[in-house]
């Protein structure tokens, strides 16, 4: 790193207690190239995260090179994860990043174990592995090589155009193991995108990355997640967005409506009250009592977007065991993560009779 002499101690004035207690913290770093951000470099004890049997996600293993994300997406569902470090889910999530500097070495050790069954590994499920900090730390090439050399299939979901840097490496990896790529593009209005996703590449840059990956031989999915009520959910906006996605060379689109869990809802409400206060009453109606928009809105969105996805030839292929499906137990309450009757991914706890049960209490913030 070219950051020598710029280290902070863990006990610096702006280091919160959760960070100060981290036994694996090497140093905390600032650099003029990332104004306002602090990188807390740690030695990772492990790289692979096993998703619990009752998890709501449709994969078993994940890798997260970073905690926190410089993309600073207002609606990011991963924000509450920062609270485990006694950091807040708002500005700290955007500016106080945990960097697992040795993650590739830790991964190689884990993949070399006789017990490793070469199950699918997902990257980009929590924070983005191709956020801007990756350009400095270069963690992904080592991760990709470790997975491919061990015969482990993997997938990457990102908003980062930095993915283009690693396309030759990914193409080589794809000759050894299945590699799935997906680009997250939720907003096709440049002004809106800059206020809601201030640290991300532009929509045009991400579409260009889709094209580059397609030209490199990959089938690239686009995740239109989330579709924002009254902001990006009009038929005109969706149709124009899907046309651009198709033109870029994507093969499929997956969508979902906005999900505002506690810890995210507060941050989004602040944005809404600042930039679109006229919509606050409408959002209060939709999200005042829960994390999901009500069923009538989701059905209306599905009726609007599904025919457009079909018309643009962007329907997904049938889901396999690595990318979706239902996990259940015959005798206990269970969680599923699958498409609901409106075509959206839903995270739901089911009761024994199969009816959705409430997860947590209401959080009225708007």
Protein backbone atom coordinates (compact mmCIF):
# COMPACT_ATOMS: atom_id res chain seq x y z
CA UNK A 1 0.00 0.00 0.00
CA UNK A 2 1.13 3.59 -0.62
CA UNK A 3 -0.45 4.64 2.65
CA UNK A 4 2.49 4.21 5.01
CA UNK A 5 2.68 6.95 7.58
CA UNK A 6 -1.05 7.57 7.39
CA UNK A 7 -2.09 5.01 9.99
CA UNK A 8 -4.31 5.83 12.92
CA UNK A 9 -4.42 3.82 16.13
CA UNK A 10 -7.50 1.91 17.15
CA UNK A 11 -7.87 4.34 20.03
CA UNK A 12 -8.12 7.43 17.78
CA UNK A 13 -10.79 9.93 18.69
CA UNK A 14 -13.11 8.79 15.93
CA UNK A 15 -12.64 5.06 16.58
CA UNK A 16 -15.74 3.72 18.27
CA UNK A 17 -15.59 1.14 21.11
CA UNK A 18 -16.50 -1.82 18.91
CA UNK A 19 -13.49 -1.19 16.70
CA UNK A 20 -11.16 -0.47 19.60
CA UNK A 21 -11.87 -3.93 21.00
CA UNK A 22 -11.12 -5.79 17.74
CA UNK A 23 -8.21 -8.13 18.45
CA UNK A 24 -7.44 -8.59 14.75
CA UNK A 25 -7.22 -4.88 13.86
CA UNK A 26 -3.90 -4.04 12.21
CA UNK A 27 -4.36 -0.33 11.71
CA UNK A 28 -6.84 2.33 10.68
CA UNK A 29 -5.95 4.30 7.57
CA UNK A 30 -6.95 7.55 5.89
CA UNK A 31 -5.85 8.74 2.47
CA UNK A 32 -6.61 11.91 0.47
CA UNK A 33 -7.84 9.73 -2.40
CA UNK A 34 -10.79 8.65 -0.23
CA UNK A 35 -11.69 11.87 1.51
CA UNK A 36 -13.82 11.36 4.62
CA UNK A 37 -13.34 7.58 4.71
CA UNK A 38 -11.41 5.42 7.18
CA UNK A 39 -10.22 1.92 6.33
CA UNK A 40 -9.82 -0.42 9.28
CA UNK A 41 -7.47 -3.16 8.10
CA UNK A 42 -7.94 -6.50 9.82
CA UNK A 43 -6.50 -10.00 9.65
CA UNK A 44 -9.37 -12.33 8.78
CA UNK A 45 -9.45 -15.60 10.67
CA UNK A 46 -11.65 -17.07 7.95
CA UNK A 47 -12.97 -16.05 4.55
CA UNK A 48 -15.98 -18.31 4.07
CA UNK A 49 -19.21 -17.49 5.85
CA UNK A 50 -21.64 -20.37 6.20
CA UNK A 51 -25.27 -19.38 5.92
CA UNK A 52 -27.37 -21.04 8.59
CA UNK A 53 -29.80 -23.82 7.75
CA UNK A 54 -32.73 -21.56 8.59
CA UNK A 55 -31.40 -18.61 6.64
CA UNK A 56 -33.57 -16.62 4.27
CA UNK A 57 -30.97 -16.66 1.48
CA UNK A 58 -30.76 -19.29 -1.28
CA UNK A 59 -27.06 -20.16 -1.00
CA UNK A 60 -24.87 -21.82 1.60
CA UNK A 61 -21.55 -19.95 1.50
CA UNK A 62 -20.58 -16.31 1.06
CA UNK A 63 -17.42 -14.21 1.02
CA UNK A 64 -17.34 -10.55 2.03
CA UNK A 65 -13.93 -8.88 1.57
CA UNK A 66 -15.28 -5.67 3.11
CA UNK A 67 -17.72 -4.66 5.82
CA UNK A 68 -19.37 -1.35 5.09
CA UNK A 69 -19.60 0.07 1.58
CA UNK A 70 -18.49 3.26 -0.08
CA UNK A 71 -21.33 3.03 -2.57
CA UNK A 72 -23.43 4.70 0.15
CA UNK A 73 -26.74 3.49 -1.29
CA UNK A 74 -29.43 5.00 0.91
CA UNK A 75 -31.66 1.93 0.68
CA UNK A 76 -28.93 -0.72 1.23
CA UNK A 77 -30.33 -3.67 3.19
CA UNK A 78 -26.88 -4.46 4.68
CA UNK A 79 -26.67 -1.27 6.74
CA UNK A 80 -27.75 -2.88 10.05
CA UNK A 81 -24.76 -5.25 9.90
CA UNK A 82 -22.50 -2.36 10.95
CA UNK A 83 -24.28 -2.11 14.27
CA UNK A 84 -22.55 -5.31 15.41
CA UNK A 85 -19.37 -3.25 15.50
CA UNK A 86 -21.08 -0.47 17.47
CA UNK A 87 -21.02 1.62 14.31
CA UNK A 88 -24.17 3.26 13.05
CA UNK A 89 -26.09 2.06 10.01
CA UNK A 90 -25.95 5.49 8.39
CA UNK A 91 -22.81 7.50 7.78
CA UNK A 92 -20.51 4.99 9.51
CA UNK A 93 -21.63 2.27 7.10
CA UNK A 94 -20.61 4.54 4.21
CA UNK A 95 -17.30 5.78 5.60
CA UNK A 96 -15.93 3.33 8.21
CA UNK A 97 -14.90 0.28 6.17
CA UNK A 98 -13.48 -2.98 7.50
CA UNK A 99 -10.94 -4.44 5.04
CA UNK A 100 -9.94 -8.11 5.33
CA UNK A 101 -6.46 -7.67 3.93
CA UNK A 102 -5.43 -11.35 4.04
CA UNK A 103 -8.72 -12.77 2.80
CA UNK A 104 -7.29 -14.58 -0.24
CA UNK A 105 -4.74 -16.47 1.89
CA UNK A 106 -7.40 -17.36 4.46
CA UNK A 107 -9.65 -18.58 1.66
CA UNK A 108 -7.00 -20.83 0.15
CA UNK A 109 -6.45 -22.50 3.51
CA UNK A 110 -10.16 -23.17 3.94
CA UNK A 111 -10.62 -24.47 0.39
CA UNK A 112 -7.71 -26.88 0.86
CA UNK A 113 -9.38 -28.66 3.76
CA UNK A 114 -10.47 -32.25 3.04
CA UNK A 115 -13.91 -31.37 4.40
CA UNK A 116 -14.55 -28.74 1.73
CA UNK A 117 -17.30 -29.99 -0.61
CA UNK A 118 -16.86 -27.43 -3.40
CA UNK A 119 -20.28 -25.89 -2.87
CA UNK A 120 -21.32 -22.72 -4.65
CA UNK A 121 -19.94 -19.50 -3.09
CA UNK A 122 -21.67 -16.14 -3.52
CA UNK A 123 -19.94 -12.76 -3.47
CA UNK A 124 -21.76 -9.45 -3.26
CA UNK A 125 -24.53 -10.70 -1.01
CA UNK A 126 -23.86 -8.19 1.76
CA UNK A 127 -21.45 -5.46 0.69
CA UNK A 128 -20.00 -4.96 -2.78
CA UNK A 129 -16.67 -6.71 -3.49
CA UNK A 130 -16.07 -4.25 -6.35
CA UNK A 131 -16.68 -1.05 -4.45
CA UNK A 132 -14.11 1.66 -5.11
CA UNK A 133 -11.78 0.53 -2.32
CA UNK A 134 -11.13 -2.68 -4.27
CA UNK A 135 -9.15 -0.60 -6.75
CA UNK A 136 -6.65 0.09 -3.99
CA UNK A 137 -6.65 -3.20 -2.08
CA UNK A 138 -7.00 -5.63 -5.04
CA UNK A 139 -8.52 -8.44 -2.99
CA UNK A 140 -10.72 -9.95 -5.71
CA UNK A 141 -8.01 -11.38 -8.03
CA UNK A 142 -6.72 -13.55 -5.20
CA UNK A 143 -10.24 -14.63 -4.26
CA UNK A 144 -11.15 -15.52 -7.84
CA UNK A 145 -7.95 -17.50 -8.35
CA UNK A 146 -8.38 -19.37 -5.07
CA UNK A 147 -11.93 -20.40 -5.93
CA UNK A 148 -11.10 -21.45 -9.49
CA UNK A 149 -7.93 -23.35 -8.54
CA UNK A 150 -9.87 -25.32 -5.92
CA UNK A 151 -12.68 -26.24 -8.31
CA UNK A 152 -15.28 -24.15 -6.44
CA UNK A 153 -18.14 -22.59 -8.47
CA UNK A 154 -19.01 -19.02 -7.58
CA UNK A 155 -21.16 -16.03 -8.44
CA UNK A 156 -20.60 -12.28 -8.20
CA UNK A 157 -23.24 -9.58 -7.80
CA UNK A 158 -21.90 -6.03 -8.02
CA UNK A 159 -22.64 -2.40 -8.84
CA UNK A 160 -18.97 -1.82 -9.55
CA UNK A 161 -17.62 -1.17 -13.03
CA UNK A 162 -14.26 -2.29 -11.61
CA UNK A 163 -15.44 -5.80 -12.49
CA UNK A 164 -14.10 -5.05 -15.99
CA UNK A 165 -10.53 -5.14 -14.66
CA UNK A 166 -10.92 -8.81 -13.76
CA UNK A 167 -12.82 -10.06 -16.81
CA UNK A 168 -9.77 -11.88 -18.26
CA UNK A 169 -9.23 -13.60 -14.92
CA UNK A 170 -12.93 -14.44 -14.65
CA UNK A 171 -12.98 -15.82 -18.19
CA UNK A 172 -10.07 -18.08 -17.32
CA UNK A 173 -11.81 -19.15 -14.11
CA UNK A 174 -14.92 -20.02 -16.12
CA UNK A 175 -12.92 -22.64 -18.01
CA UNK A 176 -12.46 -24.45 -14.70
CA UNK A 177 -15.67 -23.85 -12.74
CA UNK A 178 -19.14 -22.35 -13.29
CA UNK A 179 -18.99 -18.56 -12.87
CA UNK A 180 -22.15 -16.45 -12.74
CA UNK A 181 -22.09 -12.67 -13.05
CA UNK A 182 -24.82 -10.19 -12.23
CA UNK A 183 -24.90 -6.39 -12.26
CA UNK A 184 -27.15 -4.45 -9.91
CA UNK A 185 -28.78 -1.46 -11.65
CA UNK A 186 -31.81 -0.09 -9.89
CA UNK A 187 -32.10 3.51 -11.11
CA UNK A 188 -32.12 4.82 -14.67
CA UNK A 189 -32.55 8.50 -13.82
CA UNK A 190 -29.09 10.05 -13.46
CA UNK A 191 -30.06 12.83 -11.06
CA UNK A 192 -31.99 10.46 -8.81
CA UNK A 193 -29.20 7.91 -8.94
CA UNK A 194 -26.61 10.41 -7.72
CA UNK A 195 -28.64 11.32 -4.64
CA UNK A 196 -29.61 7.74 -3.73
CA UNK A 197 -26.35 5.99 -4.70
CA UNK A 198 -23.71 8.74 -4.45
CA UNK A 199 -20.70 6.42 -4.39
CA UNK A 200 -21.64 4.15 -7.29
CA UNK A 201 -20.58 4.23 -10.93
CA UNK A 202 -23.14 5.79 -13.23
CA UNK A 203 -25.87 3.71 -14.79
CA UNK A 204 -24.17 4.12 -18.17
CA UNK A 205 -20.88 2.81 -16.75
CA UNK A 206 -22.61 -0.24 -15.29
CA UNK A 207 -24.40 -0.96 -18.56
CA UNK A 208 -21.05 -0.72 -20.33
CA UNK A 209 -19.71 -3.27 -17.85
CA UNK A 210 -22.61 -5.58 -18.70
CA UNK A 211 -21.67 -5.25 -22.37
CA UNK A 212 -18.00 -5.95 -21.67
CA UNK A 213 -18.85 -9.07 -19.66
CA UNK A 214 -21.23 -10.29 -22.38
CA UNK A 215 -18.52 -9.77 -24.98
CA UNK A 216 -16.19 -11.81 -22.78
CA UNK A 217 -18.62 -14.71 -23.12
CA UNK A 218 -20.69 -14.42 -19.95
CA UNK A 219 -24.45 -14.57 -19.56
CA UNK A 220 -25.04 -11.51 -17.41
CA UNK A 221 -28.09 -10.98 -15.25
CA UNK A 222 -29.25 -7.53 -14.17
CA UNK A 223 -30.84 -7.08 -10.78
CA UNK A 224 -33.36 -4.21 -10.84
CA UNK A 225 -33.40 -4.09 -7.07
CA UNK A 226 -35.04 -2.23 -5.59
CA UNK A 227 -37.81 -0.74 -7.69
CA UNK A 228 -38.72 2.43 -5.78
CA UNK A 229 -42.41 3.27 -5.37
CA UNK A 230 -43.44 6.48 -7.15
CA UNK A 231 -39.83 7.09 -8.23
CA UNK A 232 -38.78 4.29 -10.60
CA UNK A 233 -41.92 2.18 -10.90
CA UNK A 234 -43.77 3.88 -13.76
CA UNK A 235 -44.34 1.86 -16.92
CA UNK A 236 -42.37 4.43 -18.92
CA UNK A 237 -39.35 4.26 -16.61
CA UNK A 238 -39.38 0.46 -16.46
CA UNK A 239 -39.81 0.03 -20.21
CA UNK A 240 -36.96 2.42 -21.00
CA UNK A 241 -34.74 0.75 -18.40
CA UNK A 242 -35.38 -2.73 -19.75
CA UNK A 243 -34.68 -1.57 -23.30
CA UNK A 244 -31.27 -0.25 -22.21
CA UNK A 245 -30.53 -3.47 -20.32
CA UNK A 246 -31.37 -5.57 -23.36
CA UNK A 247 -29.29 -3.36 -25.63
CA UNK A 248 -26.33 -3.77 -23.28
CA UNK A 249 -26.42 -7.53 -23.81
CA UNK A 250 -27.88 -8.82 -20.56
CA UNK A 251 -29.66 -12.15 -20.72
CA UNK A 252 -32.14 -11.79 -17.86
CA UNK A 253 -33.58 -9.42 -15.28
CA UNK A 254 -34.64 -10.03 -11.70
CA UNK A 255 -36.57 -7.37 -9.83
CA UNK A 256 -37.92 -6.65 -6.39
CA UNK A 257 -39.73 -3.80 -4.72
CA UNK A 258 -38.15 -1.67 -2.01
CA UNK A 259 -37.62 -3.42 1.33
CA UNK A 260 -37.07 -1.17 4.37
CA UNK A 261 -36.00 -3.13 7.41
CA UNK A 262 -35.20 -1.37 10.71
CA UNK A 263 -31.85 0.36 10.44
CA UNK A 264 -32.46 1.07 6.76
CA UNK A 265 -35.87 2.66 7.08
CA UNK A 266 -34.53 5.48 9.22
CA UNK A 267 -31.81 6.34 6.69
CA UNK A 268 -34.21 6.21 3.74
CA UNK A 269 -36.77 8.33 5.59
CA UNK A 270 -34.13 11.00 6.10
CA UNK A 271 -33.36 11.00 2.37
CA UNK A 272 -37.05 11.13 1.48
CA UNK A 273 -37.78 14.01 3.81
CA UNK A 274 -34.85 15.93 2.32
CA UNK A 275 -35.22 15.27 -1.40
CA UNK A 276 -38.84 14.23 -1.91
CA UNK A 277 -40.93 15.35 1.07
CA UNK A 278 -43.97 15.33 -1.20
CA UNK A 279 -43.76 11.54 -1.20
CA UNK A 280 -43.44 11.11 2.55
CA UNK A 281 -47.19 10.63 3.15
CA UNK A 282 -47.37 8.00 0.40
CA UNK A 283 -44.40 6.10 1.82
CA UNK A 284 -45.89 6.33 5.28
CA UNK A 285 -48.97 4.59 3.90
CA UNK A 286 -46.92 1.84 2.25
CA UNK A 287 -44.20 1.23 4.84
CA UNK A 288 -45.39 2.76 8.09
CA UNK A 289 -46.18 -0.60 9.69
CA UNK A 290 -43.60 -2.91 8.19
CA UNK A 291 -40.60 -3.58 5.98
CA UNK A 292 -42.46 -4.59 2.80
CA UNK A 293 -44.91 -2.67 0.69
CA UNK A 294 -48.42 -4.12 1.00
CA UNK A 295 -49.59 -6.92 -1.25
CA UNK A 296 -51.78 -4.68 -3.41
CA UNK A 297 -48.73 -2.58 -4.38
CA UNK A 298 -46.57 -5.65 -5.09
CA UNK A 299 -49.27 -7.15 -7.27
CA UNK A 300 -49.66 -3.91 -9.20
CA UNK A 301 -45.88 -3.72 -9.72
CA UNK A 302 -45.76 -7.33 -10.90
CA UNK A 303 -48.62 -6.72 -13.34
CA UNK A 304 -46.70 -3.75 -14.74
CA UNK A 305 -43.16 -5.13 -14.96
CA UNK A 306 -43.53 -8.83 -15.76
CA UNK A 307 -45.05 -8.28 -19.23
CA UNK A 308 -42.28 -5.77 -19.97
CA UNK A 309 -39.56 -8.21 -18.93
CA UNK A 310 -41.17 -10.81 -21.16
CA UNK A 311 -41.52 -8.39 -24.07
CA UNK A 312 -37.84 -7.49 -23.92
CA UNK A 313 -36.80 -11.15 -23.80
CA UNK A 314 -35.28 -10.85 -20.34
CA UNK A 315 -37.10 -13.57 -18.42
CA UNK A 316 -34.93 -15.67 -16.15
CA UNK A 317 -34.21 -19.30 -16.87
CA UNK A 318 -35.52 -21.82 -14.32
CA UNK A 319 -33.67 -21.45 -11.03
CA UNK A 320 -31.22 -24.13 -9.99
CA UNK A 321 -30.20 -25.25 -6.53
CA UNK A 322 -27.42 -22.67 -6.30
CA UNK A 323 -29.49 -19.62 -7.16
CA UNK A 324 -32.88 -20.20 -5.61
CA UNK A 325 -35.37 -22.56 -4.10
CA UNK A 326 -37.18 -23.38 -0.91
CA UNK A 327 -35.56 -24.62 2.23
CA UNK A 328 -38.00 -26.23 4.64
CA UNK A 329 -38.40 -28.53 7.56
CA UNK A 330 -41.39 -30.82 7.89
CA UNK A 331 -41.86 -30.42 11.60
CA UNK A 332 -40.77 -26.87 12.49
CA UNK A 333 -41.56 -23.34 11.43
CA UNK A 334 -39.40 -22.57 8.42
CA UNK A 335 -38.13 -19.80 6.24
CA UNK A 336 -38.17 -19.67 2.49
CA UNK A 337 -36.55 -17.41 -0.04
CA UNK A 338 -38.35 -17.80 -3.32
CA UNK A 339 -40.55 -15.93 -5.74
CA UNK A 340 -44.01 -15.16 -4.47
CA UNK A 341 -47.18 -15.11 -6.55
CA UNK A 342 -46.27 -11.62 -7.74
CA UNK A 343 -42.92 -12.74 -9.12
CA UNK A 344 -40.77 -11.05 -6.48
CA UNK A 345 -38.13 -12.54 -4.24
CA UNK A 346 -39.62 -12.68 -0.76
CA UNK A 347 -38.01 -13.41 2.56
CA UNK A 348 -40.66 -14.85 4.81
CA UNK A 349 -41.00 -16.98 7.88
CA UNK A 350 -43.76 -19.53 7.42
CA UNK A 351 -45.81 -20.93 10.25
CA UNK A 352 -46.60 -24.62 10.45
CA UNK A 353 -49.74 -24.14 8.35
CA UNK A 354 -47.73 -22.41 5.63
CA UNK A 355 -49.12 -18.93 6.23
CA UNK A 356 -46.71 -15.97 6.50
CA UNK A 357 -45.93 -14.92 10.06
CA UNK A 358 -44.80 -11.46 11.12
CA UNK A 359 -41.05 -10.99 11.54
CA UNK A 360 -40.45 -8.39 14.22
CA UNK A 361 -42.73 -5.53 15.15
CA UNK A 362 -43.80 -2.44 13.27
CA UNK A 363 -41.39 0.43 12.81
CA UNK A 364 -43.21 3.67 12.05
CA UNK A 365 -40.68 6.26 10.94
CA UNK A 366 -42.24 8.28 8.12
